[in-house]
Amino acid sequence: MRDFLRGFRTLHFVGPCVTVFGSARIQRDDAHYDLARKMGAAIARLGFTVMTGGGPGIMEAANRGAKEAGGRSVGCTIELPSEQPANAYLDRCVRMHYFFVRKALLVKYSYAFVVMPGGAGTLDELFEVLTLIQTAKIKNFPIVIMGTDYWKELIGFIDKMAQRG
């Protein structure tokens, strides 16, 4: 319960957000880092706050793009045994103990979601959002999957699931 209260207090005034999900392990010289940075800037220029998990990699790139474009940038980090420091491009940051609270906060303030290349954590976040939309727990928000070559097989799988109901 403490995580929820701290999260709500910290993020209450962030305004409408677009949440970006993606790998913490992508390096600055990767093309996806540059894509996430440009996308973060574009989101900020539209007047949205860029929200991420607050870590390195794709998250850092999106937050960095938002800050460089003069926009707002927030993060919702997680306590892990191998510490991931918050990236340097955050206006506000809240640190969570539980993944389920973190995911709830990443969804609560969002008007859209952008999914960049990532691993199991990114898939967890994507499927959480898809399930919430499918079960009408949240509005049918736009989900933009970027890096279609990376996601090609998964998109095919999701299409099959949608056809089967």
N, C-alpha and C. Protein backbone atom coordinates (compact mmCIF):
# COMPACT_ATOMS: atom_id res chain seq x y z
N MET A 1 0.82 -1.19 0.00
CA MET A 1 0.00 0.00 0.00
C MET A 1 0.87 1.26 0.00
N ARG A 2 2.00 1.18 0.69
CA ARG A 2 2.90 2.33 0.77
C ARG A 2 3.41 2.75 -0.62
N ASP A 3 3.72 1.73 -1.45
CA ASP A 3 4.18 2.00 -2.82
C ASP A 3 3.13 2.80 -3.59
N PHE A 4 1.87 2.38 -3.49
CA PHE A 4 0.80 3.09 -4.20
C PHE A 4 0.71 4.54 -3.74
N LEU A 5 0.69 4.75 -2.44
CA LEU A 5 0.56 6.11 -1.91
C LEU A 5 1.72 7.00 -2.34
N ARG A 6 2.93 6.47 -2.23
CA ARG A 6 4.11 7.24 -2.64
C ARG A 6 4.04 7.56 -4.14
N GLY A 7 3.64 6.57 -4.93
CA GLY A 7 3.52 6.77 -6.37
C GLY A 7 2.49 7.81 -6.73
N PHE A 8 1.30 7.73 -6.12
CA PHE A 8 0.24 8.70 -6.41
C PHE A 8 0.66 10.11 -6.02
N ARG A 9 1.31 10.24 -4.87
CA ARG A 9 1.76 11.58 -4.42
C ARG A 9 2.81 12.16 -5.36
N THR A 10 3.73 11.33 -5.78
CA THR A 10 4.82 11.81 -6.63
C THR A 10 4.36 12.14 -8.05
N LEU A 11 3.46 11.34 -8.59
CA LEU A 11 3.10 11.47 -10.00
C LEU A 11 1.77 12.18 -10.24
N HIS A 12 1.12 12.63 -9.19
CA HIS A 12 -0.23 13.20 -9.31
C HIS A 12 -0.31 14.36 -10.30
N PHE A 13 0.70 15.19 -10.39
CA PHE A 13 0.62 16.39 -11.21
C PHE A 13 1.42 16.29 -12.51
N VAL A 14 1.67 15.10 -13.01
CA VAL A 14 2.51 14.97 -14.20
C VAL A 14 1.78 15.31 -15.50
N GLY A 15 0.46 15.37 -15.46
CA GLY A 15 -0.30 15.67 -16.67
C GLY A 15 -0.44 14.45 -17.56
N PRO A 16 -1.04 14.63 -18.73
CA PRO A 16 -1.23 13.49 -19.63
C PRO A 16 0.11 12.95 -20.12
N CYS A 17 0.23 11.65 -20.07
CA CYS A 17 1.50 10.98 -20.40
C CYS A 17 1.35 10.03 -21.58
N VAL A 18 2.47 9.78 -22.22
CA VAL A 18 2.63 8.63 -23.10
C VAL A 18 3.73 7.80 -22.46
N THR A 19 3.42 6.54 -22.19
CA THR A 19 4.38 5.66 -21.53
C THR A 19 5.15 4.87 -22.57
N VAL A 20 6.45 4.81 -22.38
CA VAL A 20 7.34 4.09 -23.29
C VAL A 20 7.92 2.89 -22.55
N PHE A 21 7.72 1.71 -23.13
CA PHE A 21 8.28 0.47 -22.60
C PHE A 21 9.45 0.04 -23.50
N GLY A 22 10.51 -0.50 -22.92
CA GLY A 22 11.62 -0.98 -23.73
C GLY A 22 12.80 -1.42 -22.88
N SER A 23 13.78 -1.98 -23.53
CA SER A 23 14.93 -2.59 -22.87
C SER A 23 15.80 -1.60 -22.11
N ALA A 24 16.26 -2.05 -20.95
CA ALA A 24 17.25 -1.28 -20.18
C ALA A 24 18.66 -1.55 -20.69
N ARG A 25 18.83 -2.54 -21.54
CA ARG A 25 20.17 -2.97 -21.95
C ARG A 25 20.63 -2.41 -23.29
N ILE A 26 19.80 -1.68 -23.98
CA ILE A 26 20.20 -1.10 -25.27
C ILE A 26 21.19 0.03 -25.02
N GLN A 27 22.28 0.01 -25.76
CA GLN A 27 23.35 0.99 -25.58
C GLN A 27 23.10 2.25 -26.42
N ARG A 28 23.80 3.30 -26.08
CA ARG A 28 23.62 4.59 -26.76
C ARG A 28 23.97 4.56 -28.24
N ASP A 29 24.80 3.64 -28.67
CA ASP A 29 25.17 3.57 -30.09
C ASP A 29 24.23 2.68 -30.91
N ASP A 30 23.20 2.14 -30.29
CA ASP A 30 22.21 1.30 -30.97
C ASP A 30 21.19 2.18 -31.70
N ALA A 31 20.78 1.76 -32.88
CA ALA A 31 19.80 2.53 -33.67
C ALA A 31 18.48 2.70 -32.92
N HIS A 32 18.10 1.72 -32.08
CA HIS A 32 16.85 1.82 -31.33
C HIS A 32 16.93 2.90 -30.25
N TYR A 33 18.13 3.15 -29.72
CA TYR A 33 18.31 4.24 -28.76
C TYR A 33 17.99 5.57 -29.44
N ASP A 34 18.55 5.76 -30.62
CA ASP A 34 18.32 7.00 -31.37
C ASP A 34 16.84 7.14 -31.73
N LEU A 35 16.21 6.04 -32.14
CA LEU A 35 14.79 6.07 -32.47
C LEU A 35 13.96 6.46 -31.24
N ALA A 36 14.27 5.88 -30.09
CA ALA A 36 13.54 6.19 -28.85
C ALA A 36 13.75 7.65 -28.44
N ARG A 37 14.94 8.15 -28.63
CA ARG A 37 15.24 9.55 -28.30
C ARG A 37 14.42 10.50 -29.17
N LYS A 38 14.38 10.23 -30.47
CA LYS A 38 13.60 11.06 -31.39
C LYS A 38 12.11 10.97 -31.08
N MET A 39 11.65 9.76 -30.77
CA MET A 39 10.24 9.56 -30.44
C MET A 39 9.89 10.28 -29.14
N GLY A 40 10.76 10.24 -28.14
CA GLY A 40 10.53 10.97 -26.89
C GLY A 40 10.40 12.46 -27.13
N ALA A 41 11.24 12.99 -28.00
CA ALA A 41 11.17 14.42 -28.34
C ALA A 41 9.87 14.74 -29.05
N ALA A 42 9.45 13.89 -29.97
CA ALA A 42 8.20 14.12 -30.71
C ALA A 42 7.00 14.09 -29.77
N ILE A 43 6.99 13.16 -28.83
CA ILE A 43 5.90 13.08 -27.85
C ILE A 43 5.86 14.36 -27.02
N ALA A 44 7.01 14.82 -26.58
CA ALA A 44 7.08 16.05 -25.76
C ALA A 44 6.58 17.26 -26.55
N ARG A 45 6.95 17.34 -27.83
CA ARG A 45 6.50 18.47 -28.65
C ARG A 45 4.98 18.47 -28.85
N LEU A 46 4.35 17.32 -28.70
CA LEU A 46 2.89 17.23 -28.77
C LEU A 46 2.23 17.64 -27.46
N GLY A 47 3.04 17.90 -26.43
CA GLY A 47 2.51 18.36 -25.15
C GLY A 47 2.31 17.27 -24.11
N PHE A 48 2.74 16.06 -24.40
CA PHE A 48 2.60 14.97 -23.45
C PHE A 48 3.87 14.83 -22.61
N THR A 49 3.69 14.39 -21.37
CA THR A 49 4.81 13.98 -20.54
C THR A 49 5.25 12.60 -20.99
N VAL A 50 6.55 12.38 -21.08
CA VAL A 50 7.07 11.05 -21.39
C VAL A 50 7.32 10.32 -20.08
N MET A 51 6.67 9.16 -19.93
CA MET A 51 6.84 8.34 -18.73
C MET A 51 7.49 7.03 -19.13
N THR A 52 8.48 6.61 -18.34
CA THR A 52 9.15 5.33 -18.56
C THR A 52 9.39 4.65 -17.22
N GLY A 53 10.03 3.50 -17.29
CA GLY A 53 10.47 2.82 -16.08
C GLY A 53 11.65 3.50 -15.41
N GLY A 54 12.15 4.57 -16.03
CA GLY A 54 13.16 5.41 -15.39
C GLY A 54 14.59 4.91 -15.43
N GLY A 55 14.82 3.77 -16.06
CA GLY A 55 16.15 3.19 -16.08
C GLY A 55 16.97 3.60 -17.30
N PRO A 56 18.04 2.84 -17.57
CA PRO A 56 18.89 3.12 -18.73
C PRO A 56 18.28 2.59 -20.03
N GLY A 57 19.05 2.61 -21.10
CA GLY A 57 18.64 2.03 -22.37
C GLY A 57 17.54 2.81 -23.05
N ILE A 58 16.53 2.10 -23.52
CA ILE A 58 15.39 2.72 -24.21
C ILE A 58 14.72 3.75 -23.32
N MET A 59 14.58 3.42 -22.04
CA MET A 59 13.92 4.34 -21.10
C MET A 59 14.68 5.66 -21.04
N GLU A 60 15.99 5.58 -20.88
CA GLU A 60 16.82 6.79 -20.85
C GLU A 60 16.68 7.58 -22.15
N ALA A 61 16.70 6.88 -23.28
CA ALA A 61 16.63 7.56 -24.57
C ALA A 61 15.33 8.34 -24.72
N ALA A 62 14.20 7.74 -24.36
CA ALA A 62 12.91 8.43 -24.46
C ALA A 62 12.85 9.62 -23.52
N ASN A 63 13.30 9.44 -22.28
CA ASN A 63 13.33 10.55 -21.32
C ASN A 63 14.27 11.66 -21.78
N ARG A 64 15.40 11.27 -22.32
CA ARG A 64 16.37 12.25 -22.82
C ARG A 64 15.78 13.08 -23.96
N GLY A 65 15.13 12.41 -24.91
CA GLY A 65 14.50 13.12 -26.01
C GLY A 65 13.48 14.12 -25.53
N ALA A 66 12.68 13.72 -24.54
CA ALA A 66 11.66 14.63 -23.99
C ALA A 66 12.32 15.86 -23.37
N LYS A 67 13.35 15.64 -22.56
CA LYS A 67 14.04 16.76 -21.90
C LYS A 67 14.69 17.68 -22.92
N GLU A 68 15.34 17.11 -23.92
CA GLU A 68 16.01 17.92 -24.93
C GLU A 68 15.03 18.75 -25.75
N ALA A 69 13.79 18.27 -25.85
CA ALA A 69 12.76 19.01 -26.59
C ALA A 69 12.03 20.00 -25.69
N GLY A 70 12.44 20.10 -24.42
CA GLY A 70 11.81 21.03 -23.49
C GLY A 70 10.56 20.49 -22.84
N GLY A 71 10.34 19.18 -22.93
CA GLY A 71 9.15 18.57 -22.36
C GLY A 71 9.38 18.01 -20.97
N ARG A 72 8.32 17.40 -20.44
CA ARG A 72 8.39 16.79 -19.11
C ARG A 72 8.74 15.32 -19.24
N SER A 73 9.46 14.83 -18.25
CA SER A 73 9.99 13.48 -18.29
C SER A 73 9.93 12.88 -16.89
N VAL A 74 9.24 11.74 -16.76
CA VAL A 74 9.11 11.11 -15.45
C VAL A 74 9.45 9.63 -15.54
N GLY A 75 9.84 9.07 -14.40
CA GLY A 75 10.18 7.66 -14.34
C GLY A 75 9.62 6.99 -13.11
N CYS A 76 9.37 5.72 -13.26
CA CYS A 76 8.87 4.89 -12.16
C CYS A 76 9.79 3.67 -12.09
N THR A 77 10.81 3.76 -11.24
CA THR A 77 11.84 2.72 -11.19
C THR A 77 11.44 1.59 -10.25
N ILE A 78 12.25 0.55 -10.27
CA ILE A 78 11.96 -0.63 -9.45
C ILE A 78 13.20 -1.02 -8.66
N GLU A 79 13.00 -1.45 -7.42
CA GLU A 79 14.10 -1.96 -6.59
C GLU A 79 14.43 -3.37 -7.07
N LEU A 80 15.68 -3.58 -7.45
CA LEU A 80 16.13 -4.89 -7.92
C LEU A 80 17.42 -5.27 -7.19
N PRO A 81 17.69 -6.60 -7.09
CA PRO A 81 18.94 -7.01 -6.45
C PRO A 81 20.17 -6.40 -7.13
N SER A 82 20.17 -6.38 -8.47
CA SER A 82 21.26 -5.71 -9.20
C SER A 82 20.73 -4.32 -9.55
N GLU A 83 21.12 -3.35 -8.76
CA GLU A 83 20.56 -2.00 -8.86
C GLU A 83 20.71 -1.39 -10.24
N GLN A 84 19.62 -0.84 -10.74
CA GLN A 84 19.62 -0.04 -11.96
C GLN A 84 19.39 1.39 -11.52
N PRO A 85 20.37 2.24 -11.71
CA PRO A 85 20.16 3.63 -11.29
C PRO A 85 19.14 4.32 -12.19
N ALA A 86 18.44 5.28 -11.64
CA ALA A 86 17.53 6.10 -12.45
C ALA A 86 18.36 6.88 -13.45
N ASN A 87 17.81 7.09 -14.63
CA ASN A 87 18.57 7.85 -15.63
C ASN A 87 18.57 9.34 -15.27
N ALA A 88 19.43 10.08 -15.90
CA ALA A 88 19.68 11.48 -15.54
C ALA A 88 18.71 12.46 -16.18
N TYR A 89 17.69 11.96 -16.87
CA TYR A 89 16.81 12.84 -17.65
C TYR A 89 15.39 12.89 -17.09
N LEU A 90 15.25 12.75 -15.80
CA LEU A 90 13.93 12.70 -15.17
C LEU A 90 13.63 13.97 -14.37
N ASP A 91 12.44 14.54 -14.59
CA ASP A 91 11.97 15.65 -13.76
C ASP A 91 11.47 15.12 -12.42
N ARG A 92 10.82 13.98 -12.48
CA ARG A 92 10.30 13.31 -11.27
C ARG A 92 10.56 11.83 -11.40
N CYS A 93 10.82 11.22 -10.26
CA CYS A 93 11.07 9.79 -10.24
C CYS A 93 10.53 9.21 -8.94
N VAL A 94 9.90 8.07 -9.05
CA VAL A 94 9.43 7.36 -7.86
C VAL A 94 9.95 5.93 -7.96
N ARG A 95 10.43 5.41 -6.84
CA ARG A 95 11.02 4.07 -6.80
C ARG A 95 10.03 3.11 -6.13
N MET A 96 9.74 2.02 -6.81
CA MET A 96 8.76 1.04 -6.33
C MET A 96 9.44 -0.25 -5.87
N HIS A 97 8.81 -0.90 -4.93
CA HIS A 97 9.28 -2.20 -4.46
C HIS A 97 8.66 -3.34 -5.28
N TYR A 98 7.40 -3.17 -5.68
CA TYR A 98 6.65 -4.22 -6.36
C TYR A 98 6.41 -3.89 -7.82
N PHE A 99 6.60 -4.89 -8.69
CA PHE A 99 6.36 -4.69 -10.12
C PHE A 99 4.91 -4.35 -10.42
N PHE A 100 3.96 -4.98 -9.72
CA PHE A 100 2.56 -4.73 -10.04
C PHE A 100 2.16 -3.28 -9.75
N VAL A 101 2.74 -2.67 -8.74
CA VAL A 101 2.47 -1.26 -8.45
C VAL A 101 3.10 -0.39 -9.54
N ARG A 102 4.30 -0.72 -9.89
CA ARG A 102 4.99 0.04 -10.96
C ARG A 102 4.17 0.00 -12.25
N LYS A 103 3.70 -1.18 -12.63
CA LYS A 103 2.90 -1.29 -13.86
C LYS A 103 1.61 -0.49 -13.76
N ALA A 104 0.97 -0.53 -12.59
CA ALA A 104 -0.27 0.24 -12.41
C ALA A 104 -0.01 1.73 -12.60
N LEU A 105 1.09 2.23 -12.07
CA LEU A 105 1.41 3.65 -12.20
C LEU A 105 1.78 4.01 -13.64
N LEU A 106 2.50 3.12 -14.32
CA LEU A 106 2.86 3.38 -15.71
C LEU A 106 1.62 3.45 -16.61
N VAL A 107 0.57 2.75 -16.22
CA VAL A 107 -0.67 2.74 -17.00
C VAL A 107 -1.60 3.89 -16.59
N LYS A 108 -1.69 4.17 -15.31
CA LYS A 108 -2.69 5.11 -14.77
C LYS A 108 -2.70 6.47 -15.46
N TYR A 109 -1.57 7.04 -15.74
CA TYR A 109 -1.50 8.41 -16.25
C TYR A 109 -1.38 8.48 -17.78
N SER A 110 -1.47 7.34 -18.45
CA SER A 110 -1.15 7.29 -19.88
C SER A 110 -2.35 7.40 -20.80
N TYR A 111 -2.11 8.10 -21.90
CA TYR A 111 -3.08 8.24 -22.97
C TYR A 111 -2.71 7.35 -24.15
N ALA A 112 -1.49 6.83 -24.16
CA ALA A 112 -1.01 5.93 -25.20
C ALA A 112 0.23 5.21 -24.67
N PHE A 113 0.59 4.14 -25.36
CA PHE A 113 1.76 3.36 -25.00
C PHE A 113 2.62 3.14 -26.23
N VAL A 114 3.92 3.24 -26.05
CA VAL A 114 4.87 2.93 -27.12
C VAL A 114 5.73 1.78 -26.62
N VAL A 115 5.81 0.73 -27.42
CA VAL A 115 6.58 -0.46 -27.05
C VAL A 115 7.76 -0.56 -28.00
N MET A 116 8.94 -0.44 -27.43
CA MET A 116 10.20 -0.54 -28.19
C MET A 116 10.81 -1.91 -27.93
N PRO A 117 11.84 -2.30 -28.69
CA PRO A 117 12.47 -3.60 -28.45
C PRO A 117 12.89 -3.78 -26.98
N GLY A 118 12.66 -4.97 -26.49
CA GLY A 118 12.98 -5.29 -25.10
C GLY A 118 12.88 -6.78 -24.86
N GLY A 119 12.93 -7.16 -23.62
CA GLY A 119 12.90 -8.57 -23.25
C GLY A 119 11.66 -8.94 -22.46
N ALA A 120 11.84 -9.80 -21.47
CA ALA A 120 10.72 -10.33 -20.69
C ALA A 120 9.95 -9.22 -19.97
N GLY A 121 10.64 -8.24 -19.42
CA GLY A 121 9.95 -7.15 -18.72
C GLY A 121 9.08 -6.33 -19.66
N THR A 122 9.60 -6.06 -20.85
CA THR A 122 8.83 -5.31 -21.85
C THR A 122 7.61 -6.11 -22.28
N LEU A 123 7.79 -7.42 -22.49
CA LEU A 123 6.65 -8.28 -22.84
C LEU A 123 5.61 -8.29 -21.73
N ASP A 124 6.06 -8.37 -20.49
CA ASP A 124 5.15 -8.34 -19.35
C ASP A 124 4.31 -7.06 -19.37
N GLU A 125 4.96 -5.94 -19.61
CA GLU A 125 4.25 -4.65 -19.65
C GLU A 125 3.28 -4.60 -20.82
N LEU A 126 3.71 -5.05 -21.99
CA LEU A 126 2.83 -5.06 -23.16
C LEU A 126 1.60 -5.92 -22.93
N PHE A 127 1.79 -7.14 -22.44
CA PHE A 127 0.66 -8.04 -22.24
C PHE A 127 -0.25 -7.59 -21.10
N GLU A 128 0.30 -6.92 -20.11
CA GLU A 128 -0.53 -6.32 -19.05
C GLU A 128 -1.49 -5.31 -19.67
N VAL A 129 -0.96 -4.44 -20.52
CA VAL A 129 -1.79 -3.40 -21.15
C VAL A 129 -2.81 -4.04 -22.09
N LEU A 130 -2.39 -5.02 -22.89
CA LEU A 130 -3.34 -5.70 -23.79
C LEU A 130 -4.47 -6.36 -23.02
N THR A 131 -4.13 -7.00 -21.90
CA THR A 131 -5.15 -7.66 -21.08
C THR A 131 -6.11 -6.65 -20.46
N LEU A 132 -5.59 -5.53 -19.97
CA LEU A 132 -6.45 -4.50 -19.38
C LEU A 132 -7.40 -3.91 -20.42
N ILE A 133 -6.92 -3.74 -21.64
CA ILE A 133 -7.79 -3.23 -22.71
C ILE A 133 -8.81 -4.28 -23.10
N GLN A 134 -8.37 -5.52 -23.30
CA GLN A 134 -9.26 -6.60 -23.72
C GLN A 134 -10.39 -6.83 -22.71
N THR A 135 -10.09 -6.69 -21.44
CA THR A 135 -11.10 -6.92 -20.39
C THR A 135 -11.83 -5.65 -19.99
N ALA A 136 -11.60 -4.57 -20.74
CA ALA A 136 -12.26 -3.27 -20.53
C ALA A 136 -11.99 -2.68 -19.14
N LYS A 137 -10.84 -2.97 -18.58
CA LYS A 137 -10.45 -2.37 -17.30
C LYS A 137 -9.88 -0.97 -17.51
N ILE A 138 -9.35 -0.73 -18.71
CA ILE A 138 -8.92 0.61 -19.10
C ILE A 138 -9.47 0.88 -20.50
N LYS A 139 -9.46 2.16 -20.88
CA LYS A 139 -9.92 2.53 -22.22
C LYS A 139 -9.03 1.90 -23.27
N ASN A 140 -9.56 1.79 -24.46
CA ASN A 140 -8.82 1.24 -25.59
C ASN A 140 -7.83 2.27 -26.10
N PHE A 141 -6.70 2.39 -25.43
CA PHE A 141 -5.68 3.37 -25.77
C PHE A 141 -4.84 2.89 -26.94
N PRO A 142 -4.25 3.82 -27.67
CA PRO A 142 -3.32 3.40 -28.73
C PRO A 142 -2.09 2.72 -28.15
N ILE A 143 -1.69 1.64 -28.79
CA ILE A 143 -0.43 0.96 -28.48
C ILE A 143 0.38 0.97 -29.76
N VAL A 144 1.52 1.64 -29.73
CA VAL A 144 2.39 1.72 -30.90
C VAL A 144 3.57 0.79 -30.66
N ILE A 145 3.74 -0.18 -31.54
CA ILE A 145 4.85 -1.11 -31.44
C ILE A 145 5.91 -0.66 -32.45
N MET A 146 7.03 -0.18 -31.94
CA MET A 146 8.11 0.34 -32.80
C MET A 146 9.22 -0.69 -32.91
N GLY A 147 9.84 -0.72 -34.09
CA GLY A 147 10.86 -1.73 -34.35
C GLY A 147 10.20 -2.99 -34.86
N THR A 148 9.38 -2.84 -35.91
CA THR A 148 8.54 -3.95 -36.35
C THR A 148 9.34 -5.19 -36.76
N ASP A 149 10.55 -5.03 -37.28
CA ASP A 149 11.36 -6.22 -37.60
C ASP A 149 11.64 -7.02 -36.34
N TYR A 150 11.93 -6.33 -35.25
CA TYR A 150 12.20 -6.98 -33.98
C TYR A 150 10.97 -7.75 -33.48
N TRP A 151 9.79 -7.17 -33.66
CA TRP A 151 8.55 -7.71 -33.11
C TRP A 151 7.76 -8.57 -34.09
N LYS A 152 8.27 -8.80 -35.30
CA LYS A 152 7.51 -9.45 -36.37
C LYS A 152 6.80 -10.74 -35.92
N GLU A 153 7.54 -11.65 -35.31
CA GLU A 153 6.95 -12.93 -34.89
C GLU A 153 5.90 -12.73 -33.80
N LEU A 154 6.16 -11.83 -32.87
CA LEU A 154 5.20 -11.57 -31.80
C LEU A 154 3.91 -10.95 -32.36
N ILE A 155 4.04 -10.03 -33.31
CA ILE A 155 2.86 -9.42 -33.92
C ILE A 155 2.02 -10.49 -34.61
N GLY A 156 2.67 -11.43 -35.30
CA GLY A 156 1.95 -12.55 -35.92
C GLY A 156 1.21 -13.38 -34.88
N PHE A 157 1.85 -13.63 -33.75
CA PHE A 157 1.23 -14.39 -32.67
C PHE A 157 0.02 -13.64 -32.10
N ILE A 158 0.16 -12.35 -31.88
CA ILE A 158 -0.95 -11.53 -31.36
C ILE A 158 -2.10 -11.52 -32.35
N ASP A 159 -1.80 -11.40 -33.64
CA ASP A 159 -2.86 -11.45 -34.66
C ASP A 159 -3.62 -12.77 -34.60
N LYS A 160 -2.90 -13.89 -34.45
CA LYS A 160 -3.55 -15.20 -34.33
C LYS A 160 -4.45 -15.25 -33.10
N MET A 161 -3.96 -14.74 -31.98
CA MET A 161 -4.76 -14.73 -30.75
C MET A 161 -6.03 -13.91 -30.96
N ALA A 162 -5.91 -12.76 -31.61
CA ALA A 162 -7.07 -11.88 -31.83
C ALA A 162 -8.10 -12.57 -32.72
N GLN A 163 -7.65 -13.31 -33.73
CA GLN A 163 -8.57 -14.02 -34.62
C GLN A 163 -9.33 -15.12 -33.88
N ARG A 164 -8.67 -15.74 -32.93
CA ARG A 164 -9.29 -16.83 -32.18
C ARG A 164 -10.16 -16.34 -31.03
N GLY A 165 -10.05 -15.05 -30.71
CA GLY A 165 -10.86 -14.49 -29.64
C GLY A 165 -10.18 -14.58 -28.37
